[in-house]
N, C-alpha and C. Protein backbone atom coordinates (compact mmCIF):
# COMPACT_ATOMS: atom_id res chain seq x y z
N MET A 1 25.05 -4.44 10.46
CA MET A 1 24.95 -5.02 8.79
C MET A 1 24.76 -6.46 9.52
N THR A 2 24.28 -7.11 8.51
CA THR A 2 24.11 -8.65 8.32
C THR A 2 24.56 -9.39 7.23
N LEU A 3 24.81 -10.34 7.29
CA LEU A 3 24.82 -10.93 5.77
C LEU A 3 23.58 -12.41 5.49
N GLU A 4 23.03 -11.49 4.35
CA GLU A 4 21.86 -12.39 3.75
C GLU A 4 22.33 -13.42 3.23
N VAL A 5 22.26 -14.72 3.51
CA VAL A 5 22.39 -15.90 2.62
C VAL A 5 21.06 -16.79 2.42
N GLU A 6 20.94 -17.08 0.85
CA GLU A 6 20.02 -17.35 0.53
C GLU A 6 20.04 -18.41 -0.99
N LEU A 7 19.33 -19.87 -0.68
CA LEU A 7 18.75 -20.17 -1.97
C LEU A 7 17.75 -19.64 -3.11
N LYS A 8 18.51 -19.05 -4.30
CA LYS A 8 17.38 -18.59 -5.33
C LYS A 8 16.99 -19.42 -6.25
N PHE A 9 15.72 -19.57 -6.39
CA PHE A 9 15.29 -20.78 -8.32
C PHE A 9 14.28 -19.66 -8.36
N ILE A 10 14.19 -20.03 -10.26
CA ILE A 10 13.23 -19.25 -10.59
C ILE A 10 12.18 -20.46 -10.94
N ALA A 11 10.75 -20.29 -11.36
CA ALA A 11 9.75 -21.37 -11.63
C ALA A 11 9.56 -21.27 -13.09
N ALA A 12 8.92 -21.88 -13.89
CA ALA A 12 8.66 -22.08 -14.71
C ALA A 12 6.80 -21.16 -14.94
N GLY A 13 6.61 -21.66 -13.59
CA GLY A 13 5.16 -20.97 -13.50
C GLY A 13 4.45 -21.46 -12.31
N PRO A 14 3.59 -21.06 -11.72
CA PRO A 14 2.85 -21.25 -11.07
C PRO A 14 2.80 -22.60 -9.95
N GLY A 15 2.97 -23.82 -10.82
CA GLY A 15 3.25 -25.02 -10.62
C GLY A 15 4.20 -25.45 -9.54
N PRO A 16 5.28 -25.51 -9.49
CA PRO A 16 6.24 -25.60 -8.33
C PRO A 16 5.88 -25.26 -6.91
N LEU A 17 5.60 -23.33 -7.23
CA LEU A 17 4.88 -23.02 -5.91
C LEU A 17 3.87 -23.59 -5.07
N GLN A 18 3.06 -23.84 -5.96
CA GLN A 18 1.81 -24.44 -5.53
C GLN A 18 2.35 -26.25 -5.09
N ALA A 19 3.03 -26.65 -5.37
CA ALA A 19 3.67 -28.25 -5.03
C ALA A 19 4.23 -27.91 -3.68
N LEU A 20 5.28 -27.08 -3.54
CA LEU A 20 5.79 -26.32 -2.29
C LEU A 20 4.89 -25.99 -1.14
N ALA A 21 3.63 -25.17 -1.46
CA ALA A 21 3.25 -24.75 -0.72
C ALA A 21 2.52 -25.84 0.01
N VAL A 22 2.01 -26.95 -0.69
CA VAL A 22 1.48 -27.99 0.13
C VAL A 22 2.17 -29.15 0.63
N SER A 23 3.30 -29.45 0.31
CA SER A 23 4.70 -30.33 0.61
C SER A 23 4.84 -29.96 2.21
N SER A 24 4.69 -31.10 3.02
CA SER A 24 5.23 -30.94 3.88
C SER A 24 6.74 -31.02 4.76
N THR A 25 7.74 -31.77 3.46
CA THR A 25 8.86 -31.82 3.92
C THR A 25 9.65 -31.17 2.41
N LEU A 26 10.89 -30.95 2.90
CA LEU A 26 12.20 -30.28 1.79
C LEU A 26 13.33 -31.26 2.09
N GLY A 27 13.33 -32.05 1.21
CA GLY A 27 14.56 -33.32 1.65
C GLY A 27 14.25 -33.68 3.11
N ALA A 28 15.52 -33.55 3.57
CA ALA A 28 15.18 -34.00 5.51
C ALA A 28 14.99 -33.15 6.22
N ALA A 29 14.30 -31.83 5.99
CA ALA A 29 13.60 -30.54 6.56
C ALA A 29 12.07 -30.57 6.63
N ARG A 30 11.80 -30.13 7.75
CA ARG A 30 9.95 -30.13 7.72
C ARG A 30 9.59 -28.62 7.89
N LEU A 31 8.35 -28.96 6.80
CA LEU A 31 8.02 -26.91 6.37
C LEU A 31 6.90 -26.82 7.31
N GLY A 32 7.12 -25.83 8.21
CA GLY A 32 5.89 -25.16 8.71
C GLY A 32 4.94 -24.69 8.19
N PRO A 33 3.52 -24.18 8.47
CA PRO A 33 2.33 -24.05 7.97
C PRO A 33 2.21 -23.00 6.81
N PRO A 34 1.53 -22.73 6.09
CA PRO A 34 2.05 -21.83 5.22
C PRO A 34 1.45 -20.54 5.34
N HIS A 35 2.17 -19.09 5.12
CA HIS A 35 1.57 -17.88 5.58
C HIS A 35 1.72 -16.87 4.48
N VAL A 36 0.22 -16.56 3.96
CA VAL A 36 0.47 -15.85 2.70
C VAL A 36 0.15 -14.12 3.16
N VAL A 37 0.89 -13.43 2.34
CA VAL A 37 0.94 -12.15 2.17
C VAL A 37 1.16 -11.55 1.20
N ASP A 38 0.66 -10.00 1.12
CA ASP A 38 1.03 -9.58 -0.38
C ASP A 38 1.90 -8.47 0.54
N GLU A 39 2.70 -7.72 -0.58
CA GLU A 39 3.61 -6.83 -0.34
C GLU A 39 3.92 -6.08 -1.52
N LEU A 40 4.44 -4.77 -1.16
CA LEU A 40 4.76 -4.03 -2.40
C LEU A 40 5.97 -3.51 -2.12
N ASP A 41 6.98 -3.80 -3.07
CA ASP A 41 8.52 -3.44 -3.13
C ASP A 41 8.59 -2.48 -4.31
N ARG A 42 8.97 -1.33 -3.78
CA ARG A 42 9.86 0.02 -4.80
C ARG A 42 11.38 0.20 -4.33
N TYR A 43 11.61 0.21 -5.59
CA TYR A 43 13.20 -0.14 -5.62
C TYR A 43 13.34 1.47 -6.00
N LEU A 44 14.49 1.98 -5.40
CA LEU A 44 14.67 3.17 -5.27
C LEU A 44 16.68 3.97 -5.71
N ASP A 45 16.61 4.85 -6.39
CA ASP A 45 18.05 5.37 -6.77
C ASP A 45 17.87 6.71 -6.80
N THR A 46 18.74 7.57 -7.01
CA THR A 46 19.11 9.15 -7.50
C THR A 46 18.98 8.71 -9.04
N GLU A 47 18.65 9.96 -9.63
CA GLU A 47 18.26 9.98 -10.76
C GLU A 47 19.68 9.65 -11.61
N SER A 48 20.67 10.13 -10.90
CA SER A 48 22.18 9.28 -11.58
C SER A 48 22.75 8.12 -11.70
N GLY A 49 22.05 7.56 -10.81
CA GLY A 49 22.13 5.79 -10.66
C GLY A 49 23.24 6.03 -9.64
N ARG A 50 23.56 6.65 -8.59
CA ARG A 50 24.37 6.31 -7.71
C ARG A 50 24.50 5.24 -7.14
N LEU A 51 23.49 4.87 -6.45
CA LEU A 51 23.57 3.53 -5.71
C LEU A 51 24.02 2.16 -6.77
N ALA A 52 23.13 1.97 -7.87
CA ALA A 52 23.46 1.25 -8.52
C ALA A 52 25.11 1.33 -9.63
N ALA A 53 25.66 2.27 -9.50
CA ALA A 53 27.05 2.70 -9.58
C ALA A 53 27.62 1.83 -8.48
N ALA A 54 27.23 2.24 -6.99
CA ALA A 54 28.25 1.46 -5.84
C ALA A 54 27.94 -0.07 -5.88
N ARG A 55 26.95 -0.65 -6.80
CA ARG A 55 26.12 -1.96 -6.57
C ARG A 55 25.45 -2.20 -5.36
N TRP A 56 24.80 -1.11 -4.92
CA TRP A 56 23.79 -1.24 -3.74
C TRP A 56 22.26 -1.18 -4.24
N ALA A 57 21.32 -2.00 -4.14
CA ALA A 57 20.15 -2.06 -4.13
C ALA A 57 19.28 -1.24 -2.90
N CYS A 58 18.66 -0.41 -3.13
CA CYS A 58 17.59 0.07 -1.93
C CYS A 58 16.16 -0.30 -2.14
N ARG A 59 15.19 -0.88 -1.46
CA ARG A 59 13.90 -1.13 -1.45
C ARG A 59 13.18 -0.87 -0.47
N LEU A 60 11.96 -0.61 -1.03
CA LEU A 60 11.26 0.02 0.15
C LEU A 60 10.39 -0.83 0.20
N ARG A 61 9.84 -1.65 1.46
CA ARG A 61 8.99 -2.69 0.96
C ARG A 61 7.80 -2.24 2.44
N THR A 62 6.47 -2.72 1.67
CA THR A 62 5.21 -2.17 2.65
C THR A 62 4.71 -3.59 2.72
N ARG A 63 4.11 -4.07 3.98
CA ARG A 63 3.52 -5.29 3.83
C ARG A 63 2.33 -4.74 5.41
N GLY A 64 1.16 -4.48 4.54
CA GLY A 64 0.21 -4.51 5.94
C GLY A 64 0.32 -2.66 6.06
N GLU A 65 0.56 -2.48 7.46
CA GLU A 65 0.76 -1.13 7.88
C GLU A 65 2.19 -0.83 7.93
N GLN A 66 3.39 -1.96 7.61
CA GLN A 66 4.45 -1.59 7.86
C GLN A 66 5.48 -1.23 6.85
N THR A 67 6.49 -0.50 6.82
CA THR A 67 7.76 -0.05 5.55
C THR A 67 8.43 -0.10 6.32
N ILE A 68 9.42 -1.10 5.73
CA ILE A 68 10.93 -1.08 6.05
C ILE A 68 11.80 -0.83 4.79
N VAL A 69 12.68 -0.37 5.19
CA VAL A 69 14.10 -0.10 3.94
C VAL A 69 14.94 -1.21 4.04
N SER A 70 15.27 -1.52 2.84
CA SER A 70 16.63 -3.06 2.80
C SER A 70 17.58 -2.11 2.05
N LEU A 71 18.66 -1.98 2.29
CA LEU A 71 20.07 -1.96 1.47
C LEU A 71 20.37 -3.37 1.42
N LYS A 72 20.53 -3.54 0.28
CA LYS A 72 21.62 -4.58 -0.19
C LYS A 72 22.79 -4.58 -1.32
N GLY A 73 24.06 -5.22 -0.42
CA GLY A 73 25.18 -4.63 -1.23
C GLY A 73 25.29 -5.98 -2.07
N PRO A 74 26.62 -5.67 -2.77
CA PRO A 74 27.28 -6.20 -3.81
C PRO A 74 27.39 -8.04 -3.37
N ALA A 75 26.85 -8.62 -4.11
CA ALA A 75 27.09 -10.02 -3.86
C ALA A 75 28.70 -10.53 -3.43
N GLN A 76 28.92 -11.83 -2.45
CA GLN A 76 29.67 -12.13 -2.01
C GLN A 76 30.09 -13.59 -2.35
N HIS A 77 30.97 -13.83 -2.94
CA HIS A 77 31.77 -15.64 -3.16
C HIS A 77 32.41 -16.07 -2.00
N ALA A 78 31.54 -17.04 -1.70
CA ALA A 78 32.69 -17.78 -0.75
C ALA A 78 33.17 -19.06 -1.59
N GLU A 79 33.81 -19.66 -0.49
CA GLU A 79 34.94 -21.01 -1.03
C GLU A 79 34.09 -21.68 -1.50
N ALA A 80 32.76 -22.30 -0.37
CA ALA A 80 31.98 -23.52 -0.57
C ALA A 80 30.96 -23.13 -1.81
N ALA A 81 31.52 -23.21 -2.79
CA ALA A 81 30.42 -22.97 -4.03
C ALA A 81 29.96 -23.89 -4.50
N GLU A 82 29.76 -25.24 -3.99
CA GLU A 82 28.70 -26.34 -3.81
C GLU A 82 27.47 -25.70 -2.98
N SER A 83 27.59 -24.83 -2.04
CA SER A 83 26.38 -24.76 -1.65
C SER A 83 25.21 -23.69 -2.23
N ARG A 84 25.90 -23.24 -3.15
CA ARG A 84 24.92 -22.48 -4.52
C ARG A 84 24.38 -21.66 -3.76
N ALA A 85 24.64 -20.76 -2.45
CA ALA A 85 24.08 -19.79 -2.22
C ALA A 85 24.55 -18.38 -2.52
N HIS A 86 23.45 -17.44 -2.22
CA HIS A 86 23.57 -16.01 -2.76
C HIS A 86 23.82 -15.47 -1.50
N ARG A 87 25.06 -14.71 -1.46
CA ARG A 87 25.48 -13.89 0.22
C ARG A 87 25.61 -12.55 -0.51
N ARG A 88 24.96 -11.26 0.71
CA ARG A 88 25.36 -10.16 -0.09
C ARG A 88 24.97 -9.56 1.63
N PRO A 89 25.71 -8.30 1.68
CA PRO A 89 25.58 -7.33 3.02
C PRO A 89 24.42 -6.91 3.07
N GLU A 90 23.34 -6.87 4.03
CA GLU A 90 22.01 -6.01 4.08
C GLU A 90 21.95 -5.47 5.45
N ILE A 91 20.92 -4.34 5.54
CA ILE A 91 21.03 -3.38 6.19
C ILE A 91 19.55 -3.20 6.22
N GLU A 92 19.01 -2.89 7.56
CA GLU A 92 17.16 -2.65 7.31
C GLU A 92 17.10 -1.81 8.64
N GLY A 93 16.03 -1.13 8.26
CA GLY A 93 15.10 -0.26 9.47
C GLY A 93 14.12 0.21 8.81
N PRO A 94 13.19 1.14 9.73
CA PRO A 94 11.93 1.68 9.69
C PRO A 94 12.12 2.56 8.40
N ALA A 95 11.07 2.90 7.68
CA ALA A 95 10.53 3.95 6.80
C ALA A 95 9.42 4.18 6.74
N SER A 96 8.80 4.76 5.80
CA SER A 96 7.72 5.12 5.36
C SER A 96 7.63 4.99 3.65
N SER A 97 6.09 5.53 3.36
CA SER A 97 6.00 5.41 2.21
C SER A 97 6.49 6.86 1.23
N THR A 98 7.11 8.06 1.85
CA THR A 98 7.62 9.19 1.40
C THR A 98 9.01 8.35 0.95
N LEU A 99 9.62 9.30 -0.18
CA LEU A 99 10.97 9.32 -0.74
C LEU A 99 11.42 10.47 -0.06
N ASP A 100 11.06 11.29 0.81
CA ASP A 100 12.06 11.80 1.72
C ASP A 100 12.75 11.03 2.78
N VAL A 101 13.82 11.10 2.90
CA VAL A 101 14.50 10.07 3.92
C VAL A 101 14.58 10.49 5.02
N SER A 102 14.85 12.36 4.87
CA SER A 102 14.72 12.67 6.14
C SER A 102 13.67 12.82 7.09
N ALA A 103 12.19 12.01 6.61
CA ALA A 103 11.02 12.28 6.95
C ALA A 103 11.37 10.81 7.89
N TRP A 104 11.97 9.76 7.68
CA TRP A 104 11.89 8.45 8.01
C TRP A 104 12.83 8.25 9.65
N PRO A 105 12.44 7.09 10.66
CA PRO A 105 12.96 7.22 11.89
C PRO A 105 14.20 7.30 11.69
N ALA A 106 15.00 7.57 12.13
CA ALA A 106 16.68 7.74 12.26
C ALA A 106 16.93 6.09 12.73
N SER A 107 17.96 5.49 11.68
CA SER A 107 18.70 4.27 12.15
C SER A 107 19.73 4.33 11.13
N PRO A 108 20.60 3.10 11.42
CA PRO A 108 21.51 2.85 10.29
C PRO A 108 21.50 2.94 8.98
N ALA A 109 20.11 2.41 8.77
CA ALA A 109 19.93 1.87 7.57
C ALA A 109 19.94 3.65 6.78
N ARG A 110 19.35 4.30 7.33
CA ARG A 110 18.81 5.63 6.73
C ARG A 110 20.38 6.44 6.85
N ASP A 111 21.11 6.35 7.53
CA ASP A 111 22.61 6.83 7.62
C ASP A 111 23.14 6.48 6.33
N SER A 112 22.89 4.98 6.34
CA SER A 112 24.20 4.11 5.28
C SER A 112 23.39 4.57 3.47
N LEU A 113 21.56 4.97 3.28
CA LEU A 113 21.46 5.46 2.44
C LEU A 113 21.61 7.02 2.05
N ASP A 114 22.08 7.79 3.29
CA ASP A 114 22.29 9.24 3.07
C ASP A 114 23.35 9.01 2.64
N GLU A 115 24.71 8.27 2.79
CA GLU A 115 25.61 8.43 2.42
C GLU A 115 26.13 7.91 0.86
N LEU A 116 25.01 6.77 0.34
CA LEU A 116 25.16 6.46 -0.75
C LEU A 116 24.66 7.36 -1.28
N ARG A 117 23.31 8.14 -1.23
CA ARG A 117 22.84 8.88 -2.37
C ARG A 117 23.33 10.32 -2.61
N GLY A 118 24.62 10.49 -1.35
CA GLY A 118 25.28 11.79 -1.40
C GLY A 118 24.45 12.80 -1.81
N GLY A 119 23.34 13.11 -1.04
CA GLY A 119 22.90 14.12 -0.86
C GLY A 119 21.85 14.60 -1.85
N GLU A 120 21.66 13.69 -2.95
CA GLU A 120 20.85 13.62 -4.04
C GLU A 120 19.25 13.12 -3.46
N PRO A 121 18.14 13.37 -4.45
CA PRO A 121 16.97 12.87 -4.14
C PRO A 121 16.57 11.59 -4.47
N LEU A 122 15.48 11.08 -4.29
CA LEU A 122 15.60 9.66 -4.31
C LEU A 122 14.32 9.19 -5.09
N ARG A 123 14.23 8.52 -6.79
CA ARG A 123 13.36 8.38 -7.15
C ARG A 123 13.05 6.86 -7.47
N GLU A 124 11.73 6.68 -7.90
CA GLU A 124 11.14 4.73 -8.07
C GLU A 124 11.46 4.54 -9.37
N ARG A 125 12.52 3.90 -9.38
CA ARG A 125 12.99 3.29 -10.36
C ARG A 125 11.93 1.91 -11.12
N LEU A 126 11.48 0.98 -10.00
CA LEU A 126 10.03 0.38 -10.92
C LEU A 126 9.38 -0.31 -9.20
N THR A 127 8.33 -1.16 -9.54
CA THR A 127 7.46 -1.69 -8.31
C THR A 127 7.56 -3.24 -8.70
N LEU A 128 7.20 -3.78 -7.63
CA LEU A 128 7.14 -5.11 -7.27
C LEU A 128 5.74 -5.30 -6.78
N GLU A 129 4.86 -5.91 -7.23
CA GLU A 129 3.50 -6.41 -6.42
C GLU A 129 3.95 -7.76 -6.34
N GLN A 130 3.88 -8.11 -4.99
CA GLN A 130 4.15 -9.77 -4.61
C GLN A 130 3.21 -10.15 -4.12
N GLN A 131 2.73 -11.11 -4.03
CA GLN A 131 2.03 -12.43 -3.37
C GLN A 131 3.17 -13.33 -2.66
N ARG A 132 3.25 -13.57 -1.51
CA ARG A 132 4.05 -14.04 -1.03
C ARG A 132 3.89 -15.14 0.43
N THR A 133 4.29 -16.32 -0.13
CA THR A 133 3.75 -17.54 0.87
C THR A 133 4.85 -17.78 1.74
N GLU A 134 5.11 -17.73 2.94
CA GLU A 134 6.12 -18.06 3.70
C GLU A 134 5.84 -19.37 4.33
N ARG A 135 6.94 -19.98 4.53
CA ARG A 135 6.89 -21.43 5.31
C ARG A 135 8.51 -21.49 6.13
N SER A 136 8.37 -21.71 7.31
CA SER A 136 9.42 -21.92 8.27
C SER A 136 9.71 -23.41 7.68
N VAL A 137 11.50 -23.35 7.64
CA VAL A 137 12.31 -24.71 7.57
C VAL A 137 12.80 -25.24 8.94
N THR A 138 12.49 -26.28 9.24
CA THR A 138 12.84 -26.79 10.41
C THR A 138 13.99 -28.36 10.16
N LEU A 139 15.22 -28.36 11.01
CA LEU A 139 15.72 -29.54 10.60
C LEU A 139 16.49 -30.22 11.67
N ASP A 140 16.11 -31.62 12.26
CA ASP A 140 16.81 -32.34 13.14
C ASP A 140 15.75 -31.09 14.77
N GLY A 141 14.57 -30.76 14.44
CA GLY A 141 13.63 -30.28 15.50
C GLY A 141 14.39 -28.46 15.72
N ARG A 142 15.18 -27.89 14.82
CA ARG A 142 15.56 -26.81 15.05
C ARG A 142 15.25 -25.93 13.81
N PRO A 143 14.69 -24.47 13.99
CA PRO A 143 14.53 -23.99 12.80
C PRO A 143 15.82 -23.21 12.16
N ILE A 144 15.64 -23.48 10.89
CA ILE A 144 17.02 -23.09 10.35
C ILE A 144 17.02 -21.98 8.67
N ALA A 145 15.52 -21.77 8.09
CA ALA A 145 15.55 -20.91 7.36
C ALA A 145 14.06 -20.66 7.19
N THR A 146 13.85 -19.43 6.03
CA THR A 146 12.44 -19.43 5.64
C THR A 146 12.39 -19.65 4.43
N LEU A 147 11.31 -20.43 3.83
CA LEU A 147 11.00 -20.61 2.46
C LEU A 147 10.08 -19.58 2.16
N THR A 148 10.33 -18.98 1.14
CA THR A 148 9.14 -18.38 0.62
C THR A 148 8.65 -18.96 -0.73
N LEU A 149 7.46 -18.50 -1.25
CA LEU A 149 6.73 -18.80 -2.57
C LEU A 149 6.25 -17.46 -2.98
N ASP A 150 7.14 -16.87 -4.35
CA ASP A 150 6.61 -15.54 -4.76
C ASP A 150 6.24 -15.28 -5.72
N ARG A 151 5.04 -15.10 -5.96
CA ARG A 151 4.49 -14.56 -7.37
C ARG A 151 4.33 -13.04 -7.68
N VAL A 152 4.78 -12.49 -8.79
CA VAL A 152 5.83 -11.38 -8.88
C VAL A 152 5.25 -10.38 -9.96
N THR A 153 4.52 -9.15 -9.87
CA THR A 153 4.22 -8.12 -11.08
C THR A 153 5.41 -7.22 -11.36
N VAL A 154 5.95 -6.98 -12.11
CA VAL A 154 6.76 -6.08 -12.35
C VAL A 154 6.31 -4.68 -13.15
N LEU A 155 5.94 -3.86 -12.25
CA LEU A 155 5.43 -2.37 -12.70
C LEU A 155 6.45 -1.15 -13.07
N HIS A 156 6.50 -0.75 -14.11
CA HIS A 156 7.41 0.30 -14.19
C HIS A 156 6.21 1.19 -14.81
N GLU A 157 6.45 2.66 -14.42
CA GLU A 157 5.62 3.87 -14.77
C GLU A 157 4.40 3.31 -15.09
N GLY A 158 3.50 2.67 -14.45
CA GLY A 158 2.15 2.48 -14.30
C GLY A 158 1.71 1.44 -15.08
N ARG A 159 2.82 0.32 -15.61
CA ARG A 159 2.44 -0.43 -16.47
C ARG A 159 3.15 -1.71 -16.44
N ARG A 160 2.11 -2.42 -16.58
CA ARG A 160 2.40 -3.86 -16.16
C ARG A 160 3.85 -4.49 -17.16
N ALA A 161 5.31 -4.55 -16.68
CA ALA A 161 6.24 -5.16 -17.58
C ALA A 161 6.91 -6.11 -17.54
N GLY A 162 6.10 -7.66 -17.04
CA GLY A 162 6.27 -8.79 -16.85
C GLY A 162 6.14 -9.63 -15.61
N ASP A 163 6.04 -10.84 -15.42
CA ASP A 163 5.72 -11.45 -14.24
C ASP A 163 6.68 -12.62 -13.84
N LEU A 164 7.02 -13.10 -12.62
CA LEU A 164 7.79 -14.01 -12.21
C LEU A 164 7.11 -14.58 -11.13
N CYS A 165 7.70 -16.15 -11.23
CA CYS A 165 7.79 -17.12 -10.24
C CYS A 165 8.79 -17.25 -9.72
N VAL A 166 9.06 -16.81 -8.35
CA VAL A 166 10.71 -17.19 -7.76
C VAL A 166 10.35 -18.15 -6.61
N VAL A 167 11.01 -18.99 -6.31
CA VAL A 167 11.55 -19.47 -4.99
C VAL A 167 12.70 -19.01 -4.42
N GLU A 168 12.81 -18.82 -2.41
CA GLU A 168 14.04 -18.76 -2.34
C GLU A 168 13.66 -18.99 -0.66
N LEU A 169 14.83 -19.48 -0.51
CA LEU A 169 15.27 -20.21 0.88
C LEU A 169 16.37 -19.28 2.19
N GLU A 170 15.69 -18.64 2.83
CA GLU A 170 16.44 -17.33 3.24
C GLU A 170 17.09 -18.33 4.60
N LEU A 171 18.31 -18.29 4.88
CA LEU A 171 19.06 -19.02 5.78
C LEU A 171 18.73 -17.85 7.46
N LEU A 172 18.47 -18.57 8.48
CA LEU A 172 18.40 -17.79 9.61
C LEU A 172 19.86 -17.37 9.94
N PRO A 173 20.20 -16.27 10.63
CA PRO A 173 21.24 -15.71 10.85
C PRO A 173 21.87 -16.32 11.87
N GLU A 174 21.11 -17.34 12.65
CA GLU A 174 21.87 -18.07 13.79
C GLU A 174 22.44 -19.80 13.11
N ALA A 175 21.89 -19.93 11.79
CA ALA A 175 22.05 -21.29 11.39
C ALA A 175 23.36 -21.58 10.57
N SER A 176 23.86 -22.93 10.61
CA SER A 176 24.73 -23.32 9.75
C SER A 176 24.66 -23.62 8.36
N GLU A 177 25.51 -22.98 7.34
CA GLU A 177 25.21 -22.75 5.97
C GLU A 177 25.51 -24.73 5.63
N ALA A 178 25.91 -25.72 6.71
CA ALA A 178 26.30 -27.14 6.23
C ALA A 178 24.84 -27.66 5.58
N SER A 179 24.14 -27.28 5.92
CA SER A 179 22.08 -27.82 5.36
C SER A 179 22.39 -27.58 3.86
N LEU A 180 22.64 -26.24 3.67
CA LEU A 180 21.99 -25.85 2.61
C LEU A 180 22.62 -26.48 0.92
N PRO A 181 23.48 -27.20 0.45
CA PRO A 181 23.66 -28.29 -0.59
C PRO A 181 22.43 -29.00 -0.50
N VAL A 182 22.11 -29.64 0.80
CA VAL A 182 21.08 -30.71 0.51
C VAL A 182 19.89 -30.28 0.57
N LEU A 183 19.71 -28.85 0.82
CA LEU A 183 18.02 -28.30 0.73
C LEU A 183 18.15 -27.57 -1.05
N ALA A 184 19.25 -27.43 -1.10
CA ALA A 184 19.53 -26.97 -2.46
C ALA A 184 19.26 -27.77 -3.69
N ASP A 185 19.41 -29.44 -3.58
CA ASP A 185 19.51 -30.33 -4.01
C ASP A 185 17.51 -30.71 -4.45
N ALA A 186 17.29 -30.79 -2.90
CA ALA A 186 15.88 -31.33 -2.68
C ALA A 186 14.61 -29.84 -3.46
N LEU A 187 15.20 -28.25 -3.69
CA LEU A 187 14.76 -27.55 -4.28
C LEU A 187 14.84 -27.99 -5.84
N GLN A 188 16.03 -28.28 -6.33
CA GLN A 188 16.58 -28.36 -7.66
C GLN A 188 15.77 -29.68 -8.08
N ALA A 189 15.46 -30.55 -7.39
CA ALA A 189 14.63 -31.64 -7.89
C ALA A 189 13.25 -31.60 -7.66
N THR A 190 12.31 -30.26 -7.60
CA THR A 190 11.50 -29.82 -7.79
C THR A 190 11.28 -29.56 -8.69
N ARG A 191 10.01 -30.04 -10.04
CA ARG A 191 9.79 -29.86 -11.12
C ARG A 191 9.34 -28.69 -11.60
N GLY A 192 10.33 -28.07 -12.37
CA GLY A 192 10.13 -26.60 -12.77
C GLY A 192 10.65 -25.72 -12.32
N LEU A 193 11.97 -26.01 -11.49
CA LEU A 193 12.19 -24.98 -10.73
C LEU A 193 13.80 -25.28 -11.31
N ALA A 194 14.36 -23.69 -11.72
CA ALA A 194 15.76 -23.93 -11.91
C ALA A 194 16.66 -22.72 -10.78
N ALA A 195 18.02 -23.55 -10.67
CA ALA A 195 18.29 -22.26 -9.91
C ALA A 195 18.96 -21.04 -10.77
N ASP A 196 19.11 -19.86 -9.97
CA ASP A 196 18.50 -18.78 -10.33
C ASP A 196 19.90 -17.63 -10.24
N PRO A 197 20.99 -17.42 -11.03
CA PRO A 197 21.81 -16.50 -10.38
C PRO A 197 21.53 -15.29 -10.46
N GLY A 198 20.42 -14.53 -10.72
CA GLY A 198 20.03 -13.65 -10.62
C GLY A 198 19.26 -12.97 -9.37
N THR A 199 18.86 -11.55 -9.13
CA THR A 199 17.95 -11.18 -8.25
C THR A 199 16.42 -10.63 -9.03
N LYS A 200 15.43 -10.84 -8.29
CA LYS A 200 14.40 -10.00 -8.83
C LYS A 200 14.40 -8.48 -9.46
N LEU A 201 15.32 -7.97 -8.81
CA LEU A 201 15.86 -6.65 -9.40
C LEU A 201 16.16 -6.57 -10.58
N GLU A 202 17.22 -7.59 -11.11
CA GLU A 202 17.95 -8.13 -12.46
C GLU A 202 16.65 -8.33 -13.13
N HIS A 203 15.97 -9.13 -12.66
CA HIS A 203 14.98 -9.54 -13.77
C HIS A 203 14.10 -8.55 -14.21
N ALA A 204 13.72 -7.38 -13.18
CA ALA A 204 12.64 -6.93 -13.57
C ALA A 204 13.45 -5.60 -14.37
N LEU A 205 14.53 -5.36 -14.28
CA LEU A 205 15.42 -4.67 -15.25
C LEU A 205 15.42 -5.38 -16.51
N ALA A 206 15.69 -6.34 -16.71
CA ALA A 206 15.47 -7.23 -17.95
C ALA A 206 14.26 -7.02 -19.12
N PHE A 207 13.15 -7.22 -17.82
CA PHE A 207 11.71 -6.93 -18.88
C PHE A 207 11.71 -5.93 -18.96
N ILE A 208 12.21 -4.34 -18.45
CA ILE A 208 11.99 -3.09 -18.58
C ILE A 208 12.54 -2.74 -20.14
N ASP A 209 13.92 -3.17 -19.93
CA ASP A 209 14.63 -2.99 -20.97
C ASP A 209 14.27 -3.93 -22.28
N ALA A 210 13.65 -4.84 -22.19
CA ALA A 210 12.93 -5.37 -23.33
C ALA A 210 11.72 -4.87 -23.75
N GLY A 211 11.06 -4.29 -22.86
CA GLY A 211 9.89 -3.72 -23.31
C GLY A 211 10.25 -2.33 -24.09
N ALA A 212 11.58 -1.59 -23.55
CA ALA A 212 11.76 -0.56 -24.28
C ALA A 212 12.22 -0.88 -25.44
N ARG A 213 12.81 -1.62 -26.07
CA ARG A 213 13.39 -2.07 -27.50
C ARG A 213 12.64 -1.81 -28.66
N PRO A 214 12.94 -1.43 -29.68
CA PRO A 214 12.00 -1.42 -30.85
C PRO A 214 11.73 -2.26 -31.61
């Protein structure tokens, strides 16, 4: 299990993503060439909501021919609040498109999911169709993070529930958090971006809840 550390920003539209896709720098850091990929994210839980009750999220992500499962735990709040970073425990492993967990390759992630679901079958809560632009972030000649620019469509029961434009900067496991406040300031200064206290899953559930209201 690792600790995911990232900055999250919500965009008013695609403009900020387009600007960051062509910029060569982010504050004092340099940005690598953009790499665009399509991803399908399926968020899973049991019918009784065991994972949500335990404050864990299960994401099944397919990119090309590869599918991985990611389990993300409750947010952790560090003393250095000025970094504005989101911190969550995360564990990942190989998977497949089936919701039959026993058919996935054995891994610690599968074992953890089995424990969380308590023997109950999984169901799909919602799906995110995502076009992602990835750029490496380098400071003083060292890679420190990955910047992702995401255009997201939220699908629920086969219907479109909403759209998101999201910018995330995920720190590499070996990198120091010392640079995060400066990078957060640089992103905050990008017109049309605002620091986001939520997650894509939380935004998606809000869209679905709003659509269900009479």
